[in-house]
């Protein structure tokens, strides 16, 4: 079986129990410990280890994105913050022109990449911007303005939502036409202990569009996966109803018990390993025990579990190594020997 076939079977919970894992290391951390991590790549072949360097995200850079939001990047190669919002006043909406979906990416280059991935036996994936919907509303309006819009049921909000929805539907259609197996979406829907808007407000304003996106993917034989940071327990059932194949929730923030109770065997769990406590302040032994616990509670002989970890500046390098080593150690825990 190719890597693509095995991964698809894991997502569909028709696999042999193998747990696929990935560790993404911030460039400044990777660069400082290059030899160390390259050795881990050799010793842990079942863990996908990567590091990205986006030169537009140099510390101090200011970049205006395709929606007209001005971003500033305070730290090298990490995420930034929007400091100018193109629709901070609703009077600007009537003259606002959304970006062109045809210019979302280099579609010809993407087409060749999809063909190459499939020919080599790898999953062909399409990507949708992180912060593509709920967060994009806050980027366009400014966070406080957006919260007031939701609270007051501002009529302009519906026009903005429709505009964003239409844009992404065209991008999704393009990915599907090019033959991808999977489309990944990213939208941080939670705060530390709650949603930023009520579950009912989320169902009113966000869920209908999510359902269009994800169900359209599934109707066309393409898997849809969503990453969301924060506490999302109150809407996990809704996300399943929207048609997700895979959900990438944070582990401790949402609680392993809740993730097991709501998600296990119903959607593939792409578990986001804790970045706030255990992997930052704990010992390598603590980390291995935590990952083993997650594997036992959320894995199965049919698959349905992936592990993901983001390593950021300040995380002890030995703890990053412990995550990688534990993922390698337990990748075949559920595989029948």
C-alpha atoms as a PDB file:
ATOM      1  CA  UNK A   1       0.000   0.000   0.000  1.00  0.00           C
ATOM      2  CA  UNK A   2       1.217   3.526  -0.757  1.00  0.00           C
ATOM      3  CA  UNK A   3       1.510   6.216   1.923  1.00  0.00           C
ATOM      4  CA  UNK A   4      -1.541   7.901   0.348  1.00  0.00           C
ATOM      5  CA  UNK A   5      -3.649   4.755   0.590  1.00  0.00           C
ATOM      6  CA  UNK A   6      -2.630   4.085   4.191  1.00  0.00           C
ATOM      7  CA  UNK A   7      -3.322   7.668   5.271  1.00  0.00           C
ATOM      8  CA  UNK A   8      -6.720   7.724   3.576  1.00  0.00           C
ATOM      9  CA  UNK A   9      -7.639   4.444   5.266  1.00  0.00           C
ATOM     10  CA  UNK A  10      -6.569   5.915   8.623  1.00  0.00           C
ATOM     11  CA  UNK A  11      -8.754   9.001   8.063  1.00  0.00           C
ATOM     12  CA  UNK A  12     -11.675   6.787   7.046  1.00  0.00           C
ATOM     13  CA  UNK A  13     -11.095   4.483  10.037  1.00  0.00           C
ATOM     14  CA  UNK A  14     -10.524   1.505   7.792  1.00  0.00           C
ATOM     15  CA  UNK A  15      -6.815   1.194   8.495  1.00  0.00           C
ATOM     16  CA  UNK A  16      -4.561  -1.109  10.488  1.00  0.00           C
ATOM     17  CA  UNK A  17      -4.159   1.148  13.518  1.00  0.00           C
ATOM     18  CA  UNK A  18      -0.988   2.977  12.458  1.00  0.00           C
ATOM     19  CA  UNK A  19      -0.781   6.475  13.936  1.00  0.00           C
ATOM     20  CA  UNK A  20       0.650   9.080  11.588  1.00  0.00           C
ATOM     21  CA  UNK A  21       2.337  12.029  13.265  1.00  0.00           C
ATOM     22  CA  UNK A  22       3.912  15.352  12.343  1.00  0.00           C
ATOM     23  CA  UNK A  23       6.081  17.830  14.225  1.00  0.00           C
ATOM     24  CA  UNK A  24       6.449  21.365  12.889  1.00  0.00           C
ATOM     25  CA  UNK A  25       9.403  23.258  14.343  1.00  0.00           C
ATOM     26  CA  UNK A  26       9.690  27.043  14.289  1.00  0.00           C
ATOM     27  CA  UNK A  27      12.546  28.057  12.027  1.00  0.00           C
ATOM     28  CA  UNK A  28      14.527  29.904  14.707  1.00  0.00           C
ATOM     29  CA  UNK A  29      14.454  26.761  16.880  1.00  0.00           C
ATOM     30  CA  UNK A  30      15.309  24.452  13.977  1.00  0.00           C
ATOM     31  CA  UNK A  31      18.194  26.640  12.815  1.00  0.00           C
ATOM     32  CA  UNK A  32      19.732  26.834  16.283  1.00  0.00           C
ATOM     33  CA  UNK A  33      19.649  23.039  16.762  1.00  0.00           C
ATOM     34  CA  UNK A  34      19.974  21.918  13.151  1.00  0.00           C
ATOM     35  CA  UNK A  35      22.282  18.925  13.668  1.00  0.00           C
ATOM     36  CA  UNK A  36      20.227  17.708  16.631  1.00  0.00           C
ATOM     37  CA  UNK A  37      16.960  17.701  14.691  1.00  0.00           C
ATOM     38  CA  UNK A  38      18.477  16.213  11.555  1.00  0.00           C
ATOM     39  CA  UNK A  39      19.598  13.306  13.701  1.00  0.00           C
ATOM     40  CA  UNK A  40      16.032  12.914  14.994  1.00  0.00           C
ATOM     41  CA  UNK A  41      14.781  12.821  11.403  1.00  0.00           C
ATOM     42  CA  UNK A  42      17.075   9.834  10.770  1.00  0.00           C
ATOM     43  CA  UNK A  43      16.171   8.012  13.981  1.00  0.00           C
ATOM     44  CA  UNK A  44      12.414   8.600  13.837  1.00  0.00           C
ATOM     45  CA  UNK A  45      11.375   7.770  10.261  1.00  0.00           C
ATOM     46  CA  UNK A  46       7.670   7.445  11.071  1.00  0.00           C
ATOM     47  CA  UNK A  47       7.405  11.065  12.239  1.00  0.00           C
ATOM     48  CA  UNK A  48       7.107  13.820   9.659  1.00  0.00           C
ATOM     49  CA  UNK A  49       9.450  16.559  10.938  1.00  0.00           C
ATOM     50  CA  UNK A  50       9.466  19.928   9.190  1.00  0.00           C
ATOM     51  CA  UNK A  51      10.480  23.554   9.603  1.00  0.00           C
ATOM     52  CA  UNK A  52       9.236  26.515   7.588  1.00  0.00           C
ATOM     53  CA  UNK A  53      10.855  29.849   6.794  1.00  0.00           C
ATOM     54  CA  UNK A  54       8.620  32.517   5.280  1.00  0.00           C
ATOM     55  CA  UNK A  55      10.710  35.610   4.548  1.00  0.00           C
ATOM     56  CA  UNK A  56       7.626  37.827   4.499  1.00  0.00           C
ATOM     57  CA  UNK A  57       7.330  37.106   8.229  1.00  0.00           C
ATOM     58  CA  UNK A  58      10.601  38.694   9.275  1.00  0.00           C
ATOM     59  CA  UNK A  59      10.319  40.513  12.602  1.00  0.00           C
ATOM     60  CA  UNK A  60       9.032  44.043  11.996  1.00  0.00           C
ATOM     61  CA  UNK A  61       7.657  43.352   8.508  1.00  0.00           C
ATOM     62  CA  UNK A  62       4.327  44.857   7.548  1.00  0.00           C
ATOM     63  CA  UNK A  63       2.405  43.062   4.810  1.00  0.00           C
ATOM     64  CA  UNK A  64      -1.011  43.827   3.333  1.00  0.00           C
ATOM     65  CA  UNK A  65      -2.833  40.637   2.392  1.00  0.00           C
ATOM     66  CA  UNK A  66      -5.192  39.983  -0.503  1.00  0.00           C
ATOM     67  CA  UNK A  67      -8.205  41.087   1.558  1.00  0.00           C
ATOM     68  CA  UNK A  68      -6.577  44.435   2.356  1.00  0.00           C
ATOM     69  CA  UNK A  69      -5.680  43.644   5.981  1.00  0.00           C
ATOM     70  CA  UNK A  70      -2.343  45.072   7.124  1.00  0.00           C
ATOM     71  CA  UNK A  71      -0.300  42.602   9.179  1.00  0.00           C
ATOM     72  CA  UNK A  72       2.714  43.204  11.397  1.00  0.00           C
ATOM     73  CA  UNK A  73       5.074  40.391  12.396  1.00  0.00           C
ATOM     74  CA  UNK A  74       6.660  40.920  15.823  1.00  0.00           C
ATOM     75  CA  UNK A  75       8.855  37.782  15.833  1.00  0.00           C
ATOM     76  CA  UNK A  76      10.837  36.109  13.062  1.00  0.00           C
ATOM     77  CA  UNK A  77       8.790  33.649  10.966  1.00  0.00           C
ATOM     78  CA  UNK A  78       5.870  33.401  13.397  1.00  0.00           C
ATOM     79  CA  UNK A  79       2.284  34.549  12.986  1.00  0.00           C
ATOM     80  CA  UNK A  80       1.445  38.226  13.056  1.00  0.00           C
ATOM     81  CA  UNK A  81      -1.377  40.565  13.986  1.00  0.00           C
ATOM     82  CA  UNK A  82      -3.702  42.678  11.869  1.00  0.00           C
ATOM     83  CA  UNK A  83      -3.241  46.379  12.624  1.00  0.00           C
ATOM     84  CA  UNK A  84      -5.393  47.883   9.838  1.00  0.00           C
ATOM     85  CA  UNK A  85      -8.859  46.524   9.083  1.00  0.00           C
ATOM     86  CA  UNK A  86     -10.265  47.304   5.614  1.00  0.00           C
ATOM     87  CA  UNK A  87     -13.895  47.363   6.817  1.00  0.00           C
ATOM     88  CA  UNK A  88     -13.391  48.997  10.204  1.00  0.00           C
ATOM     89  CA  UNK A  89     -16.266  51.265   9.186  1.00  0.00           C
ATOM     90  CA  UNK A  90     -19.284  49.703   7.472  1.00  0.00           C
ATOM     91  CA  UNK A  91     -19.476  52.706   5.113  1.00  0.00           C
ATOM     92  CA  UNK A  92     -16.491  51.182   3.277  1.00  0.00           C
ATOM     93  CA  UNK A  93     -18.408  48.031   2.396  1.00  0.00           C
ATOM     94  CA  UNK A  94     -20.252  49.443  -0.637  1.00  0.00           C
ATOM     95  CA  UNK A  95     -16.993  50.190  -2.460  1.00  0.00           C
ATOM     96  CA  UNK A  96     -15.084  47.100  -1.292  1.00  0.00           C
ATOM     97  CA  UNK A  97     -13.977  44.544  -3.897  1.00  0.00           C
ATOM     98  CA  UNK A  98     -13.067  41.059  -2.628  1.00  0.00           C
ATOM     99  CA  UNK A  99      -9.988  39.270  -3.982  1.00  0.00           C
ATOM    100  CA  UNK A 100     -10.089  37.137  -7.122  1.00  0.00           C
ATOM    101  CA  UNK A 101     -10.233  33.386  -6.379  1.00  0.00           C
ATOM    102  CA  UNK A 102      -8.341  32.733  -9.616  1.00  0.00           C
ATOM    103  CA  UNK A 103      -5.373  34.501  -8.034  1.00  0.00           C
ATOM    104  CA  UNK A 104      -5.531  32.593  -4.751  1.00  0.00           C
ATOM    105  CA  UNK A 105      -2.439  30.604  -5.745  1.00  0.00           C
ATOM    106  CA  UNK A 106      -0.481  29.523  -8.797  1.00  0.00           C
ATOM    107  CA  UNK A 107      -3.058  27.015  -9.945  1.00  0.00           C
ATOM    108  CA  UNK A 108      -0.926  25.608 -12.766  1.00  0.00           C
ATOM    109  CA  UNK A 109       1.919  24.914 -10.353  1.00  0.00           C
ATOM    110  CA  UNK A 110      -0.581  23.341  -7.957  1.00  0.00           C
ATOM    111  CA  UNK A 111      -1.954  21.095 -10.703  1.00  0.00           C
ATOM    112  CA  UNK A 112       1.507  19.712 -11.418  1.00  0.00           C
ATOM    113  CA  UNK A 113       2.141  19.232  -7.693  1.00  0.00           C
ATOM    114  CA  UNK A 114      -1.059  17.229  -7.292  1.00  0.00           C
ATOM    115  CA  UNK A 115      -0.160  14.971 -10.203  1.00  0.00           C
ATOM    116  CA  UNK A 116       3.351  14.454  -8.851  1.00  0.00           C
ATOM    117  CA  UNK A 117       2.108  13.644  -5.338  1.00  0.00           C
ATOM    118  CA  UNK A 118      -0.286  11.006  -6.618  1.00  0.00           C
ATOM    119  CA  UNK A 119       2.302   9.505  -8.960  1.00  0.00           C
ATOM    120  CA  UNK A 120       4.673   9.083  -6.005  1.00  0.00           C
ATOM    121  CA  UNK A 121       1.997   7.590  -3.760  1.00  0.00           C
ATOM    122  CA  UNK A 122       1.465  10.599  -1.490  1.00  0.00           C
ATOM    123  CA  UNK A 123      -1.754  12.303  -0.420  1.00  0.00           C
ATOM    124  CA  UNK A 124      -2.748  15.174  -2.711  1.00  0.00           C
ATOM    125  CA  UNK A 125      -3.868  17.997  -0.436  1.00  0.00           C
ATOM    126  CA  UNK A 126      -5.354  21.416  -0.991  1.00  0.00           C
ATOM    127  CA  UNK A 127      -5.078  24.226   1.512  1.00  0.00           C
ATOM    128  CA  UNK A 128      -7.378  27.011   2.656  1.00  0.00           C
ATOM    129  CA  UNK A 129      -5.879  29.978   4.532  1.00  0.00           C
ATOM    130  CA  UNK A 130      -5.671  29.805   8.303  1.00  0.00           C
ATOM    131  CA  UNK A 131      -8.267  32.212   9.661  1.00  0.00           C
ATOM    132  CA  UNK A 132     -10.377  31.747   6.546  1.00  0.00           C
ATOM    133  CA  UNK A 133     -13.815  32.551   7.960  1.00  0.00           C
ATOM    134  CA  UNK A 134     -14.593  33.447  11.570  1.00  0.00           C
ATOM    135  CA  UNK A 135     -11.165  34.970  12.109  1.00  0.00           C
ATOM    136  CA  UNK A 136     -11.325  36.700   8.726  1.00  0.00           C
ATOM    137  CA  UNK A 137     -14.442  38.539   9.867  1.00  0.00           C
ATOM    138  CA  UNK A 138     -12.486  39.840  12.849  1.00  0.00           C
ATOM    139  CA  UNK A 139      -9.539  40.766  10.622  1.00  0.00           C
ATOM    140  CA  UNK A 140     -11.802  42.688   8.265  1.00  0.00           C
ATOM    141  CA  UNK A 141     -13.787  44.503  10.928  1.00  0.00           C
ATOM    142  CA  UNK A 142     -11.445  44.542  13.923  1.00  0.00           C
ATOM    143  CA  UNK A 143     -12.094  42.212  16.856  1.00  0.00           C
ATOM    144  CA  UNK A 144     -14.193  44.527  19.016  1.00  0.00           C
ATOM    145  CA  UNK A 145     -16.259  45.711  16.054  1.00  0.00           C
ATOM    146  CA  UNK A 146     -16.918  42.095  15.035  1.00  0.00           C
ATOM    147  CA  UNK A 147     -18.043  41.115  18.531  1.00  0.00           C
ATOM    148  CA  UNK A 148     -20.494  44.026  18.564  1.00  0.00           C
ATOM    149  CA  UNK A 149     -21.728  43.022  15.092  1.00  0.00           C
ATOM    150  CA  UNK A 150     -22.509  39.513  16.298  1.00  0.00           C
ATOM    151  CA  UNK A 151     -24.187  40.819  19.453  1.00  0.00           C
ATOM    152  CA  UNK A 152     -26.320  43.366  17.608  1.00  0.00           C
ATOM    153  CA  UNK A 153     -27.106  41.146  14.596  1.00  0.00           C
ATOM    154  CA  UNK A 154     -25.800  43.852  12.278  1.00  0.00           C
ATOM    155  CA  UNK A 155     -27.367  43.534   8.827  1.00  0.00           C
ATOM    156  CA  UNK A 156     -24.054  44.309   7.110  1.00  0.00           C
ATOM    157  CA  UNK A 157     -22.557  41.207   8.681  1.00  0.00           C
ATOM    158  CA  UNK A 158     -24.675  39.006   6.427  1.00  0.00           C
ATOM    159  CA  UNK A 159     -23.308  40.729   3.320  1.00  0.00           C
ATOM    160  CA  UNK A 160     -19.735  40.254   4.526  1.00  0.00           C
ATOM    161  CA  UNK A 161     -20.365  36.590   5.314  1.00  0.00           C
ATOM    162  CA  UNK A 162     -21.866  36.018   1.871  1.00  0.00           C
ATOM    163  CA  UNK A 163     -18.876  37.691   0.233  1.00  0.00           C
ATOM    164  CA  UNK A 164     -16.382  35.520   2.111  1.00  0.00           C
ATOM    165  CA  UNK A 165     -18.436  32.378   1.520  1.00  0.00           C
ATOM    166  CA  UNK A 166     -18.645  32.984  -2.240  1.00  0.00           C
ATOM    167  CA  UNK A 167     -14.901  33.487  -2.451  1.00  0.00           C
ATOM    168  CA  UNK A 168     -14.026  30.281  -0.632  1.00  0.00           C
ATOM    169  CA  UNK A 169     -16.575  28.195  -2.509  1.00  0.00           C
ATOM    170  CA  UNK A 170     -14.817  29.108  -5.752  1.00  0.00           C
ATOM    171  CA  UNK A 171     -11.424  28.209  -4.261  1.00  0.00           C
ATOM    172  CA  UNK A 172     -12.785  24.890  -2.955  1.00  0.00           C
ATOM    173  CA  UNK A 173     -14.298  24.101  -6.345  1.00  0.00           C
ATOM    174  CA  UNK A 174     -10.929  24.762  -7.952  1.00  0.00           C
ATOM    175  CA  UNK A 175      -9.121  22.383  -5.570  1.00  0.00           C
ATOM    176  CA  UNK A 176     -11.700  19.678  -6.212  1.00  0.00           C
ATOM    177  CA  UNK A 177     -11.519  20.140  -9.994  1.00  0.00           C
ATOM    178  CA  UNK A 178      -7.751  19.633  -9.793  1.00  0.00           C
ATOM    179  CA  UNK A 179      -8.238  16.253  -8.121  1.00  0.00           C
ATOM    180  CA  UNK A 180      -7.135  16.620  -4.496  1.00  0.00           C
ATOM    181  CA  UNK A 181      -7.865  13.912  -1.931  1.00  0.00           C
ATOM    182  CA  UNK A 182      -8.116  16.272   1.021  1.00  0.00           C
ATOM    183  CA  UNK A 183      -8.645  19.971   1.758  1.00  0.00           C
ATOM    184  CA  UNK A 184      -7.378  21.446   5.021  1.00  0.00           C
ATOM    185  CA  UNK A 185      -9.110  24.420   6.620  1.00  0.00           C
ATOM    186  CA  UNK A 186      -7.929  26.503   9.589  1.00  0.00           C
ATOM    187  CA  UNK A 187      -9.970  28.800  11.827  1.00  0.00           C
ATOM    188  CA  UNK A 188      -9.328  29.321  15.545  1.00  0.00           C
ATOM    189  CA  UNK A 189     -12.835  29.167  16.980  1.00  0.00           C
ATOM    190  CA  UNK A 190     -12.107  29.004  20.701  1.00  0.00           C
ATOM    191  CA  UNK A 191     -10.606  30.948  23.535  1.00  0.00           C
ATOM    192  CA  UNK A 192      -8.900  29.205  26.460  1.00  0.00           C
ATOM    193  CA  UNK A 193     -12.101  28.135  28.247  1.00  0.00           C
ATOM    194  CA  UNK A 194     -14.991  29.165  25.995  1.00  0.00           C
ATOM    195  CA  UNK A 195     -16.027  30.336  22.560  1.00  0.00           C
ATOM    196  CA  UNK A 196     -15.638  34.079  21.846  1.00  0.00           C
ATOM    197  CA  UNK A 197     -19.294  34.173  20.766  1.00  0.00           C
ATOM    198  CA  UNK A 198     -22.101  32.024  22.130  1.00  0.00           C
ATOM    199  CA  UNK A 199     -22.672  28.554  20.635  1.00  0.00           C
ATOM    200  CA  UNK A 200     -26.041  29.765  19.339  1.00  0.00           C
ATOM    201  CA  UNK A 201     -24.431  32.759  17.653  1.00  0.00           C
ATOM    202  CA  UNK A 202     -21.827  30.454  16.118  1.00  0.00           C
ATOM    203  CA  UNK A 203     -24.605  28.227  14.783  1.00  0.00           C
ATOM    204  CA  UNK A 204     -26.395  31.240  13.344  1.00  0.00           C
ATOM    205  CA  UNK A 205     -23.505  33.027  11.648  1.00  0.00           C
ATOM    206  CA  UNK A 206     -20.721  30.507  11.037  1.00  0.00           C
ATOM    207  CA  UNK A 207     -22.192  27.006  10.851  1.00  0.00           C
ATOM    208  CA  UNK A 208     -24.256  27.465   7.657  1.00  0.00           C
ATOM    209  CA  UNK A 209     -21.184  28.389   5.626  1.00  0.00           C
ATOM    210  CA  UNK A 210     -19.078  25.659   7.227  1.00  0.00           C
ATOM    211  CA  UNK A 211     -21.737  23.137   6.276  1.00  0.00           C
ATOM    212  CA  UNK A 212     -21.664  24.322   2.660  1.00  0.00           C
ATOM    213  CA  UNK A 213     -17.874  24.058   2.504  1.00  0.00           C
ATOM    214  CA  UNK A 214     -17.411  20.694   4.172  1.00  0.00           C
ATOM    215  CA  UNK A 215     -20.463  18.931   2.765  1.00  0.00           C
ATOM    216  CA  UNK A 216     -19.532  20.082  -0.752  1.00  0.00           C
ATOM    217  CA  UNK A 217     -16.119  18.483  -0.305  1.00  0.00           C
ATOM    218  CA  UNK A 218     -17.598  15.209   0.899  1.00  0.00           C
ATOM    219  CA  UNK A 219     -20.228  15.139  -1.863  1.00  0.00           C
ATOM    220  CA  UNK A 220     -17.362  15.315  -4.348  1.00  0.00           C
ATOM    221  CA  UNK A 221     -15.325  12.542  -2.742  1.00  0.00           C
ATOM    222  CA  UNK A 222     -12.831  14.854  -1.034  1.00  0.00           C
ATOM    223  CA  UNK A 223     -12.046  14.745   2.680  1.00  0.00           C
ATOM    224  CA  UNK A 224     -12.316  17.981   4.679  1.00  0.00           C
ATOM    225  CA  UNK A 225     -10.203  18.671   7.756  1.00  0.00           C
ATOM    226  CA  UNK A 226     -10.366  21.585  10.171  1.00  0.00           C
ATOM    227  CA  UNK A 227      -7.745  22.952  12.552  1.00  0.00           C
ATOM    228  CA  UNK A 228      -9.024  25.027  15.451  1.00  0.00           C
ATOM    229  CA  UNK A 229      -7.137  26.272  18.454  1.00  0.00           C
ATOM    230  CA  UNK A 230      -9.032  26.896  21.665  1.00  0.00           C
ATOM    231  CA  UNK A 231     -11.955  25.355  23.540  1.00  0.00           C
ATOM    232  CA  UNK A 232     -14.541  24.087  21.048  1.00  0.00           C
ATOM    233  CA  UNK A 233     -16.327  21.366  23.029  1.00  0.00           C
ATOM    234  CA  UNK A 234     -19.711  23.108  22.707  1.00  0.00           C
ATOM    235  CA  UNK A 235     -19.632  22.934  18.891  1.00  0.00           C
ATOM    236  CA  UNK A 236     -17.850  19.628  18.252  1.00  0.00           C
ATOM    237  CA  UNK A 237     -21.166  17.941  17.439  1.00  0.00           C
ATOM    238  CA  UNK A 238     -21.973  20.775  15.031  1.00  0.00           C
ATOM    239  CA  UNK A 239     -18.628  20.393  13.277  1.00  0.00           C
ATOM    240  CA  UNK A 240     -19.313  16.696  12.738  1.00  0.00           C
ATOM    241  CA  UNK A 241     -22.752  17.586  11.359  1.00  0.00           C
ATOM    242  CA  UNK A 242     -21.113  19.996   8.920  1.00  0.00           C
ATOM    243  CA  UNK A 243     -19.381  17.056   7.243  1.00  0.00           C
ATOM    244  CA  UNK A 244     -15.826  17.052   8.534  1.00  0.00           C
ATOM    245  CA  UNK A 245     -13.674  13.987   7.947  1.00  0.00           C
ATOM    246  CA  UNK A 246     -10.974  15.157  10.346  1.00  0.00           C
ATOM    247  CA  UNK A 247     -10.755  17.598  13.256  1.00  0.00           C
ATOM    248  CA  UNK A 248      -7.548  18.986  14.761  1.00  0.00           C
ATOM    249  CA  UNK A 249      -8.424  20.084  18.339  1.00  0.00           C
ATOM    250  CA  UNK A 250      -6.063  20.975  21.165  1.00  0.00           C
ATOM    251  CA  UNK A 251      -5.807  18.115  23.645  1.00  0.00           C
ATOM    252  CA  UNK A 252      -5.688  19.487  27.205  1.00  0.00           C
ATOM    253  CA  UNK A 253      -7.651  22.653  26.412  1.00  0.00           C
ATOM    254  CA  UNK A 254     -10.638  20.549  25.295  1.00  0.00           C
ATOM    255  CA  UNK A 255     -10.002  17.572  27.584  1.00  0.00           C
ATOM    256  CA  UNK A 256      -9.174  14.034  26.483  1.00  0.00           C
ATOM    257  CA  UNK A 257     -12.419  12.797  28.054  1.00  0.00           C
ATOM    258  CA  UNK A 258     -14.490  15.205  25.916  1.00  0.00           C
ATOM    259  CA  UNK A 259     -12.551  14.407  22.758  1.00  0.00           C
ATOM    260  CA  UNK A 260     -13.020  10.685  23.329  1.00  0.00           C
ATOM    261  CA  UNK A 261     -16.710  11.026  24.205  1.00  0.00           C
ATOM    262  CA  UNK A 262     -17.678  13.260  21.290  1.00  0.00           C
ATOM    263  CA  UNK A 263     -15.220  12.567  18.489  1.00  0.00           C
ATOM    264  CA  UNK A 264     -13.764   9.070  18.769  1.00  0.00           C
ATOM    265  CA  UNK A 265     -14.916   6.695  15.996  1.00  0.00           C
ATOM    266  CA  UNK A 266     -17.043   9.467  14.472  1.00  0.00           C
ATOM    267  CA  UNK A 267     -14.384  11.645  12.883  1.00  0.00           C
ATOM    268  CA  UNK A 268     -10.639  11.235  12.501  1.00  0.00           C
ATOM    269  CA  UNK A 269      -8.913  12.976  15.426  1.00  0.00           C
ATOM    270  CA  UNK A 270      -5.784  14.878  14.405  1.00  0.00           C
ATOM    271  CA  UNK A 271      -4.767  15.596  17.972  1.00  0.00           C
ATOM    272  CA  UNK A 272      -2.881  18.832  18.653  1.00  0.00           C
ATOM    273  CA  UNK A 273      -0.391  17.948  21.387  1.00  0.00           C
ATOM    274  CA  UNK A 274      -0.246  20.449  24.251  1.00  0.00           C
ATOM    275  CA  UNK A 275       2.077  23.427  23.757  1.00  0.00           C
ATOM    276  CA  UNK A 276       1.180  25.332  26.914  1.00  0.00           C
ATOM    277  CA  UNK A 277       1.996  23.136  29.881  1.00  0.00           C
ATOM    278  CA  UNK A 278       3.339  19.594  29.609  1.00  0.00           C
ATOM    279  CA  UNK A 279       5.671  20.079  26.660  1.00  0.00           C
ATOM    280  CA  UNK A 280       6.855  23.457  27.954  1.00  0.00           C
ATOM    281  CA  UNK A 281       7.180  22.914  31.704  1.00  0.00           C
ATOM    282  CA  UNK A 282       7.134  19.106  32.006  1.00  0.00           C
ATOM    283  CA  UNK A 283       9.882  16.525  31.803  1.00  0.00           C
ATOM    284  CA  UNK A 284      10.538  14.181  28.861  1.00  0.00           C
ATOM    285  CA  UNK A 285       8.987  11.417  30.971  1.00  0.00           C
ATOM    286  CA  UNK A 286       5.838  13.520  31.524  1.00  0.00           C
ATOM    287  CA  UNK A 287       5.596  14.041  27.785  1.00  0.00           C
ATOM    288  CA  UNK A 288       5.925  10.367  26.906  1.00  0.00           C
ATOM    289  CA  UNK A 289       3.288   9.444  29.498  1.00  0.00           C
ATOM    290  CA  UNK A 290       0.904  12.068  28.134  1.00  0.00           C
ATOM    291  CA  UNK A 291       1.290  10.942  24.522  1.00  0.00           C
ATOM    292  CA  UNK A 292       0.896   7.289  25.524  1.00  0.00           C
ATOM    293  CA  UNK A 293      -2.286   8.193  27.418  1.00  0.00           C
ATOM    294  CA  UNK A 294      -3.669   9.982  24.347  1.00  0.00           C
ATOM    295  CA  UNK A 295      -2.805   7.007  22.139  1.00  0.00           C
ATOM    296  CA  UNK A 296      -4.538   4.546  24.485  1.00  0.00           C
ATOM    297  CA  UNK A 297      -7.681   6.650  24.885  1.00  0.00           C
ATOM    298  CA  UNK A 298      -8.148   7.923  21.343  1.00  0.00           C
ATOM    299  CA  UNK A 299      -6.534   5.349  19.037  1.00  0.00           C
ATOM    300  CA  UNK A 300      -7.996   2.142  17.654  1.00  0.00           C
ATOM    301  CA  UNK A 301      -7.103  -0.865  15.538  1.00  0.00           C
ATOM    302  CA  UNK A 302      -8.898   0.807  12.628  1.00  0.00           C
ATOM    303  CA  UNK A 303      -7.028   4.102  12.804  1.00  0.00           C
ATOM    304  CA  UNK A 304      -8.790   7.416  13.235  1.00  0.00           C
ATOM    305  CA  UNK A 305      -5.972   9.073  15.200  1.00  0.00           C
ATOM    306  CA  UNK A 306      -3.140  11.315  14.061  1.00  0.00           C
ATOM    307  CA  UNK A 307      -0.762  13.295  16.274  1.00  0.00           C
ATOM    308  CA  UNK A 308       0.442  16.834  15.604  1.00  0.00           C
ATOM    309  CA  UNK A 309       2.822  19.097  17.500  1.00  0.00           C
ATOM    310  CA  UNK A 310       4.054  22.636  16.947  1.00  0.00           C
ATOM    311  CA  UNK A 311       7.393  23.486  18.560  1.00  0.00           C
ATOM    312  CA  UNK A 312       7.898  27.173  19.282  1.00  0.00           C
ATOM    313  CA  UNK A 313      10.693  29.320  20.757  1.00  0.00           C
ATOM    314  CA  UNK A 314      11.109  28.726  24.473  1.00  0.00           C
ATOM    315  CA  UNK A 315      10.178  25.051  24.410  1.00  0.00           C
ATOM    316  CA  UNK A 316      13.137  23.033  25.779  1.00  0.00           C
ATOM    317  CA  UNK A 317      14.810  21.197  22.933  1.00  0.00           C
ATOM    318  CA  UNK A 318      14.881  17.965  24.962  1.00  0.00           C
ATOM    319  CA  UNK A 319      11.095  18.222  25.293  1.00  0.00           C
ATOM    320  CA  UNK A 320      10.661  18.626  21.548  1.00  0.00           C
ATOM    321  CA  UNK A 321      12.821  15.536  21.153  1.00  0.00           C
ATOM    322  CA  UNK A 322      10.637  13.692  23.680  1.00  0.00           C
ATOM    323  CA  UNK A 323       7.532  14.423  21.587  1.00  0.00           C
ATOM    324  CA  UNK A 324       9.228  13.139  18.439  1.00  0.00           C
ATOM    325  CA  UNK A 325      10.513  10.004  20.177  1.00  0.00           C
ATOM    326  CA  UNK A 326       7.143   9.207  21.768  1.00  0.00           C
ATOM    327  CA  UNK A 327       5.350   9.610  18.423  1.00  0.00           C
ATOM    328  CA  UNK A 328       7.868   7.229  16.858  1.00  0.00           C
ATOM    329  CA  UNK A 329       7.577   4.750  19.743  1.00  0.00           C
ATOM    330  CA  UNK A 330       3.782   4.537  19.688  1.00  0.00           C
ATOM    331  CA  UNK A 331       3.047   4.910  15.973  1.00  0.00           C
ATOM    332  CA  UNK A 332       2.307   1.158  15.777  1.00  0.00           C
ATOM    333  CA  UNK A 333       0.782   0.703  19.240  1.00  0.00           C
ATOM    334  CA  UNK A 334      -2.575  -0.341  17.750  1.00  0.00           C
ATOM    335  CA  UNK A 335      -1.137  -2.346  14.851  1.00  0.00           C
ATOM    336  CA  UNK A 336      -1.635  -6.062  15.311  1.00  0.00           C
ATOM    337  CA  UNK A 337       1.791  -7.623  15.707  1.00  0.00           C
END
